[in-house]
Structures are given as C-alpha cells and as structure tokens.
Amino acid sequence: MGLKPLEKSMQRDSLDEETRNRLWTLMKLYVWDKWESNVQYDPHNGAVKKLLNNLWFNYFKKPIDIQPPMYHTNNRDSFYNLLRSVVMGDNWNEVFDLIEFVLANLPEYITGDLCTEINRVFAQENSSYRLVGGQFVEITNDSEIAEVDAAAQTGLDGVSAHIAAAVKFLSDRKNPNYRNSVKESISAVESLFKVLTKNESATLSDGLKEMKKTNEIHPSLLLGFEKIYAYTSDQGGIRHAIFDTDKTSHSDAKFMLVSCSAFINYVVGKWAESGKKIK
C-alpha cells in the first residue's frame, strides 16, 4: 500500500537499529552462548573463554584484576552487557572493529557459519559492507566477494597473503591505504606466476608470456591485463613513489582487488585444464 518502503536505503557508514539487533543475535547464538562457567573440556567453551581474556587485555586494554564476570554476580556489571552495549550503542565502525577482533581470535569451526550469516543479514538489511576474509569491505556484489574468497583459498601461501593484505588496506576504516591495496592485488598475481613458472624473480609480464605459450587464452584478454599491469607500473603509476597528486581511490582499489582475484581464479582454472599441476 506504499505505507512502508519495500527496501530500506543503502546503509553506508551506518548501522540502523534493526541491523544491530540482528548482529547481536548472531553474536549471542554463535559465540556468547558457547560460554559455560563449569565446563572444562569443551573446545567451543574453551575458545570463547580465551577470547574474553583476549578482548579484555588486547581490545579494551583494561587491567586484568578488574575484568568482570561473563554474567551478573553480586550486582557487579558483566562482560556480556559490555559487549552488548558496544554492538547496540557504539559507532558503526567500532561495532565492525569488535566483530573483526572476535573473528580473528576464534577458530574457523566457530566463525565459518557466523561470517555466512552476517553477510546474509547485511544483504537483507541493504548494507554496503560484506565480510571478506574476516574483514568488513565495502563490496555489495556477491559474485565479487566469491572471487576474492576463492583467490584467497588457492592453497598458495603467497597469493593468500597478498590478497589478505589488499583486503586489509582497503577495509581499514581509520586509515585506508588504497594505493598499497592496489600494490598487494597485483603482487598476488605475480606471486601466482612465480609458482607457475617456477621462477622466483618472475614478474606478471613474464607470467603472461608463459600463459601465451601453454594455454589457450584469447590474446585480447591477455593484452587487457597487460595494460592494467602497465597502469600500475608506469612512471606515474601505483608502484612508483607517491606523488602529491596521488588520487588512488576506493573505486580503484576495489576494482583491482576484484579483477586480480578473478584473474587468479581464471589462471588457476586454465592451468588445471591444461593438465599441469600448480605445485
């Protein structure tokens, strides 16, 4: 009847009450409800207890002798209420900081489903952010997220490290470094080609030449990526000294992260199709 919008406005640099409610519910179900005071050997319980100590000492940076109990005891305040107050009342970026810290300090058997559910809620609540590699990134397209995640999970340590660094530089809400994010994205592709060519000094250009020899890839596609590489490497490009006129933006860094991730996945696929082993 037009009495309520069918879809809320895009949430960028904000979190509305409904989204906060759902985030807290997910944190409660997947993390805080795993805590039990008298259980000694449950791995979930042990991981959450360790997380709480880590939060107090390294995140809130409070003295250990005033750390509150998880729940109310003799009218003392609780850790649970402190965590709830952050999610429900602090600035959106502080909520993201807390969640990222939690994800970074819990084992994957706890965080895997939690990340999936948070991304599902963010899609439904029209947030412009998604979790990629445990970091909130301003990427709304699910296919883009899938490309970045797949590139980070190639099984090649160098590629994964560079993709993770690119995501971190892009997603830093206090001091984003778009220029270095672009560098790391390109370095991820170069790292892949060092493995494929078995040459530790191989550049992206060397890798593209090797692809021309051994795989059926359309020359125009390779030429396109050569030109993208040239953009980052020419005299005024990303990889040279920072000039006063540097204007590398979020859009530039996001494009390079997604494009390089997709290209890594494409090359890995083509290499496998040619019958060659990556390692």
Protein backbone atom coordinates (compact mmCIF):
# COMPACT_ATOMS: atom_id res chain seq x y z
CA MET A 1 0.00 0.00 0.00
CA GLY A 2 3.05 2.26 -0.05
CA LEU A 3 2.91 2.86 3.71
CA LYS A 4 6.41 1.47 4.24
CA PRO A 5 9.31 1.32 1.75
CA LEU A 6 9.78 -2.14 0.25
CA GLU A 7 13.54 -1.73 0.62
CA LYS A 8 15.45 0.45 3.07
CA SER A 9 18.08 2.88 1.86
CA MET A 10 21.63 1.62 1.42
CA GLN A 11 23.48 1.62 4.74
CA ARG A 12 26.91 3.11 4.19
CA ASP A 13 28.94 4.29 7.19
CA SER A 14 25.98 3.46 9.43
CA LEU A 15 24.09 0.66 11.18
CA ASP A 16 20.39 1.03 11.92
CA GLU A 17 18.67 -0.48 14.96
CA GLU A 18 17.27 -3.48 13.08
CA THR A 19 20.70 -4.44 11.75
CA ARG A 20 22.30 -4.04 15.20
CA ASN A 21 19.58 -6.24 16.71
CA ARG A 22 20.27 -8.99 14.23
CA LEU A 23 24.06 -8.70 14.56
CA TRP A 24 23.81 -9.06 18.34
CA THR A 25 21.51 -12.07 18.00
CA LEU A 26 24.05 -13.78 15.72
CA MET A 27 26.92 -13.00 18.09
CA LYS A 28 24.90 -14.37 21.01
CA LEU A 29 23.89 -17.58 19.26
CA TYR A 30 27.22 -18.39 17.61
CA VAL A 31 29.66 -17.09 20.24
CA TRP A 32 28.46 -15.98 23.68
CA ASP A 33 26.03 -18.86 24.22
CA LYS A 34 29.02 -21.24 23.89
CA TRP A 35 30.33 -19.96 27.24
CA GLU A 36 29.72 -22.18 30.26
CA SER A 37 31.18 -21.48 33.69
CA ASN A 38 31.60 -25.09 34.82
CA VAL A 39 32.56 -26.85 31.58
CA GLN A 40 36.26 -27.68 31.41
CA TYR A 41 36.97 -29.60 28.21
CA ASP A 42 34.52 -28.39 25.58
CA PRO A 43 36.51 -26.82 22.68
CA HIS A 44 33.85 -24.20 21.92
CA ASN A 45 33.64 -23.14 25.53
CA GLY A 46 37.42 -23.02 25.87
CA ALA A 47 37.77 -20.90 22.73
CA VAL A 48 35.22 -18.35 23.98
CA LYS A 49 36.85 -18.13 27.43
CA LYS A 50 40.20 -17.47 25.78
CA LEU A 51 38.55 -14.88 23.54
CA LEU A 52 37.12 -12.99 26.53
CA ASN A 53 40.53 -12.70 28.15
CA ASN A 54 41.99 -11.57 24.83
CA LEU A 55 39.25 -8.97 24.38
CA TRP A 56 39.82 -7.52 27.84
CA PHE A 57 43.61 -7.34 27.58
CA ASN A 58 44.17 -6.55 23.87
CA TYR A 59 40.93 -4.92 22.67
CA PHE A 60 39.52 -2.97 25.62
CA LYS A 61 43.06 -2.74 27.14
CA LYS A 62 41.87 -2.87 30.73
CA PRO A 63 43.72 -4.18 33.81
CA ILE A 64 43.15 -7.87 34.34
CA ASP A 65 42.24 -7.51 38.03
CA ILE A 66 39.02 -5.64 37.21
CA GLN A 67 37.84 -7.94 34.41
CA PRO A 68 34.12 -8.56 35.07
CA PRO A 69 32.48 -11.99 35.06
CA MET A 70 30.63 -13.04 31.93
CA TYR A 71 27.24 -12.58 33.61
CA HIS A 72 25.96 -10.65 36.66
CA THR A 73 27.36 -11.76 40.02
CA ASN A 74 26.51 -9.98 43.29
CA ASN A 75 25.33 -6.86 41.44
CA ARG A 76 28.63 -6.49 39.59
CA ASP A 77 28.49 -5.48 35.96
CA SER A 78 29.05 -8.19 33.37
CA PHE A 79 31.24 -8.71 30.32
CA TYR A 80 28.10 -9.73 28.44
CA ASN A 81 26.46 -6.33 28.99
CA LEU A 82 29.65 -4.52 27.99
CA LEU A 83 29.79 -6.39 24.70
CA ARG A 84 26.08 -5.80 24.12
CA SER A 85 26.47 -2.07 24.73
CA VAL A 86 29.16 -1.88 22.04
CA VAL A 87 27.05 -3.62 19.39
CA MET A 88 23.85 -1.79 20.29
CA GLY A 89 25.19 1.69 21.00
CA ASP A 90 28.69 2.44 19.73
CA ASN A 91 29.55 3.97 16.36
CA TRP A 92 29.17 1.63 13.38
CA ASN A 93 32.93 1.42 12.83
CA GLU A 94 33.51 0.39 16.46
CA VAL A 95 30.95 -2.39 16.05
CA PHE A 96 32.85 -3.58 12.98
CA ASP A 97 36.16 -3.38 14.91
CA LEU A 98 34.76 -5.59 17.67
CA ILE A 99 33.36 -8.19 15.28
CA GLU A 100 36.61 -8.32 13.29
CA PHE A 101 38.58 -8.85 16.51
CA VAL A 102 36.22 -11.65 17.56
CA LEU A 103 36.53 -13.36 14.18
CA ALA A 104 40.33 -13.05 14.21
CA ASN A 105 40.57 -14.70 17.63
CA LEU A 106 38.23 -17.64 17.25
CA PRO A 107 38.83 -20.94 15.39
CA GLU A 108 37.25 -21.39 11.99
CA TYR A 109 34.86 -24.11 13.19
CA ILE A 110 33.09 -21.34 15.11
CA THR A 111 33.48 -18.41 12.72
CA GLY A 112 32.61 -20.07 9.40
CA ASP A 113 28.83 -20.13 9.79
CA LEU A 114 28.87 -16.81 11.67
CA CYS A 115 30.50 -15.00 8.73
CA THR A 116 27.99 -16.53 6.34
CA GLU A 117 25.06 -15.44 8.48
CA ILE A 118 26.39 -11.90 8.96
CA ASN A 119 26.74 -11.49 5.19
CA ARG A 120 23.22 -12.81 4.72
CA VAL A 121 21.85 -10.27 7.21
CA PHE A 122 23.83 -7.44 5.63
CA ALA A 123 22.41 -8.32 2.22
CA GLN A 124 18.86 -8.32 3.61
CA GLU A 125 19.39 -5.07 5.52
CA ASN A 126 20.92 -3.37 2.47
CA SER A 127 24.32 -2.72 3.99
CA SER A 128 27.08 -1.76 1.59
CA TYR A 129 29.57 -3.94 3.52
CA ARG A 130 30.38 -7.64 3.47
CA LEU A 131 32.82 -9.82 5.36
CA VAL A 132 35.71 -10.93 3.16
CA GLY A 133 38.50 -12.86 4.83
CA GLY A 134 37.32 -11.75 8.25
CA GLN A 135 37.37 -8.05 7.31
CA PHE A 136 34.44 -5.77 6.52
CA VAL A 137 34.84 -4.45 2.99
CA GLU A 138 32.60 -2.12 1.03
CA ILE A 139 31.64 -4.67 -1.60
CA THR A 140 27.97 -5.36 -2.20
CA ASN A 141 28.10 -7.79 -5.11
CA ASP A 142 28.09 -11.43 -4.01
CA SER A 143 29.95 -12.56 -7.15
CA GLU A 144 32.77 -10.12 -6.36
CA ILE A 145 33.02 -11.48 -2.82
CA ALA A 146 33.12 -15.03 -4.18
CA GLU A 147 36.04 -14.17 -6.48
CA VAL A 148 38.08 -12.62 -3.67
CA ASP A 149 37.36 -15.52 -1.30
CA ALA A 150 38.27 -18.08 -3.96
CA ALA A 151 41.56 -16.32 -4.75
CA ALA A 152 42.44 -16.28 -1.05
CA GLN A 153 41.84 -20.04 -0.88
CA THR A 154 44.01 -21.23 -3.78
CA GLY A 155 46.26 -23.05 -1.33
CA LEU A 156 49.23 -20.85 -2.30
CA ASP A 157 50.56 -19.02 0.72
CA GLY A 158 51.95 -16.06 -1.21
CA VAL A 159 48.72 -15.43 -3.09
CA SER A 160 46.63 -15.73 0.07
CA ALA A 161 48.92 -13.36 1.99
CA HIS A 162 48.81 -10.66 -0.69
CA ILE A 163 45.04 -10.92 -1.12
CA ALA A 164 44.57 -10.68 2.66
CA ALA A 165 46.84 -7.60 2.76
CA ALA A 166 44.94 -5.97 -0.11
CA VAL A 167 41.65 -6.54 1.72
CA LYS A 168 43.10 -5.14 4.94
CA PHE A 169 44.40 -1.96 3.28
CA LEU A 170 41.08 -1.47 1.50
CA SER A 171 38.91 -2.10 4.55
CA ASP A 172 40.84 -0.06 7.14
CA ARG A 173 38.17 2.38 8.32
CA LYS A 174 40.53 4.67 10.22
CA ASN A 175 43.29 4.98 7.66
CA PRO A 176 42.53 3.18 4.37
CA ASN A 177 45.52 2.80 2.09
CA TYR A 178 44.13 2.36 -1.40
CA ARG A 179 47.50 2.66 -3.10
CA ASN A 180 49.01 -0.21 -1.13
CA SER A 181 45.85 -2.25 -1.63
CA VAL A 182 46.37 -2.00 -5.39
CA LYS A 183 50.03 -3.00 -4.98
CA GLU A 184 49.07 -6.06 -2.97
CA SER A 185 46.43 -7.11 -5.50
CA ILE A 186 48.99 -7.02 -8.32
CA SER A 187 51.56 -8.76 -6.13
CA ALA A 188 49.07 -11.60 -5.59
CA VAL A 189 49.00 -12.24 -9.35
CA GLU A 190 52.78 -12.06 -9.54
CA SER A 191 53.06 -14.49 -6.64
CA LEU A 192 50.91 -16.95 -8.56
CA PHE A 193 53.11 -16.66 -11.64
CA LYS A 194 56.27 -17.22 -9.57
CA VAL A 195 54.81 -20.60 -8.62
CA LEU A 196 53.51 -21.49 -12.09
CA THR A 197 56.76 -20.56 -13.85
CA LYS A 198 58.95 -21.93 -11.02
CA ASN A 199 60.84 -18.67 -11.19
CA GLU A 200 61.09 -16.58 -8.01
CA SER A 201 62.02 -13.47 -9.99
CA ALA A 202 59.12 -13.75 -12.45
CA THR A 203 57.01 -10.64 -12.97
CA LEU A 204 53.40 -10.50 -14.03
CA SER A 205 54.57 -9.75 -17.56
CA ASP A 206 56.72 -12.92 -17.54
CA GLY A 207 53.74 -14.93 -16.37
CA LEU A 208 51.50 -13.60 -19.10
CA LYS A 209 54.09 -14.58 -21.73
CA GLU A 210 54.17 -18.09 -20.30
CA MET A 211 50.37 -18.27 -20.47
CA LYS A 212 50.52 -17.39 -24.15
CA LYS A 213 52.77 -20.39 -24.77
CA THR A 214 50.99 -23.05 -22.80
CA ASN A 215 47.29 -22.18 -22.61
CA GLU A 216 44.51 -21.32 -24.99
CA ILE A 217 43.69 -17.82 -23.82
CA HIS A 218 42.42 -15.20 -26.19
CA PRO A 219 45.19 -12.66 -26.94
CA SER A 220 42.84 -9.74 -26.30
CA LEU A 221 42.23 -10.92 -22.76
CA LEU A 222 45.95 -11.17 -22.03
CA LEU A 223 46.51 -7.79 -23.66
CA GLY A 224 43.85 -6.26 -21.43
CA PHE A 225 45.56 -7.46 -18.29
CA GLU A 226 48.95 -6.34 -19.63
CA LYS A 227 47.52 -2.84 -19.94
CA ILE A 228 46.12 -2.96 -16.40
CA TYR A 229 49.58 -4.01 -15.20
CA ALA A 230 51.15 -1.15 -17.17
CA TYR A 231 48.81 1.28 -15.42
CA THR A 232 50.28 0.26 -12.06
CA SER A 233 53.89 0.24 -13.24
CA ASP A 234 54.47 3.27 -15.45
CA GLN A 235 56.22 6.42 -14.26
CA GLY A 236 53.17 7.88 -12.55
CA GLY A 237 51.70 4.54 -11.59
CA ILE A 238 50.85 2.91 -8.33
CA ARG A 239 54.18 1.18 -7.85
CA HIS A 240 56.32 4.30 -8.14
CA ALA A 241 57.00 6.90 -5.48
CA ILE A 242 53.95 8.60 -4.03
CA PHE A 243 53.37 11.98 -5.59
CA ASP A 244 51.47 14.90 -4.09
CA THR A 245 48.90 14.33 -6.80
CA ASP A 246 48.22 10.68 -5.94
CA LYS A 247 44.49 10.17 -6.34
CA THR A 248 44.13 6.42 -5.90
CA SER A 249 40.57 5.94 -4.67
CA HIS A 250 38.39 3.28 -3.09
CA SER A 251 36.97 2.51 -6.53
CA ASP A 252 40.47 1.96 -7.96
CA ALA A 253 41.46 -0.36 -5.11
CA LYS A 254 38.20 -2.30 -5.19
CA PHE A 255 38.43 -2.75 -8.97
CA MET A 256 41.99 -4.07 -8.75
CA LEU A 257 41.19 -6.41 -5.85
CA VAL A 258 38.22 -7.97 -7.62
CA SER A 259 39.90 -8.01 -11.06
CA CYS A 260 43.13 -9.56 -9.81
CA SER A 261 41.21 -12.12 -7.74
CA ALA A 262 39.10 -13.09 -10.75
CA PHE A 263 42.20 -13.30 -12.95
CA ILE A 264 43.97 -15.53 -10.38
CA ASN A 265 40.98 -17.87 -10.33
CA TYR A 266 40.87 -17.86 -14.14
CA VAL A 267 44.59 -18.65 -14.50
CA VAL A 268 44.42 -21.43 -11.90
CA GLY A 269 41.47 -22.92 -13.79
CA LYS A 270 43.18 -22.70 -17.18
CA TRP A 271 46.38 -24.16 -15.77
CA ALA A 272 44.45 -27.13 -14.39
CA GLU A 273 42.64 -27.58 -17.72
CA SER A 274 46.00 -27.84 -19.47
CA GLY A 275 46.84 -30.85 -17.29
CA LYS A 276 49.59 -29.15 -15.31
CA LYS A 277 49.97 -29.21 -11.56
CA ILE A 278 50.24 -25.90 -9.76
CA LYS A 279 52.72 -27.15 -7.16
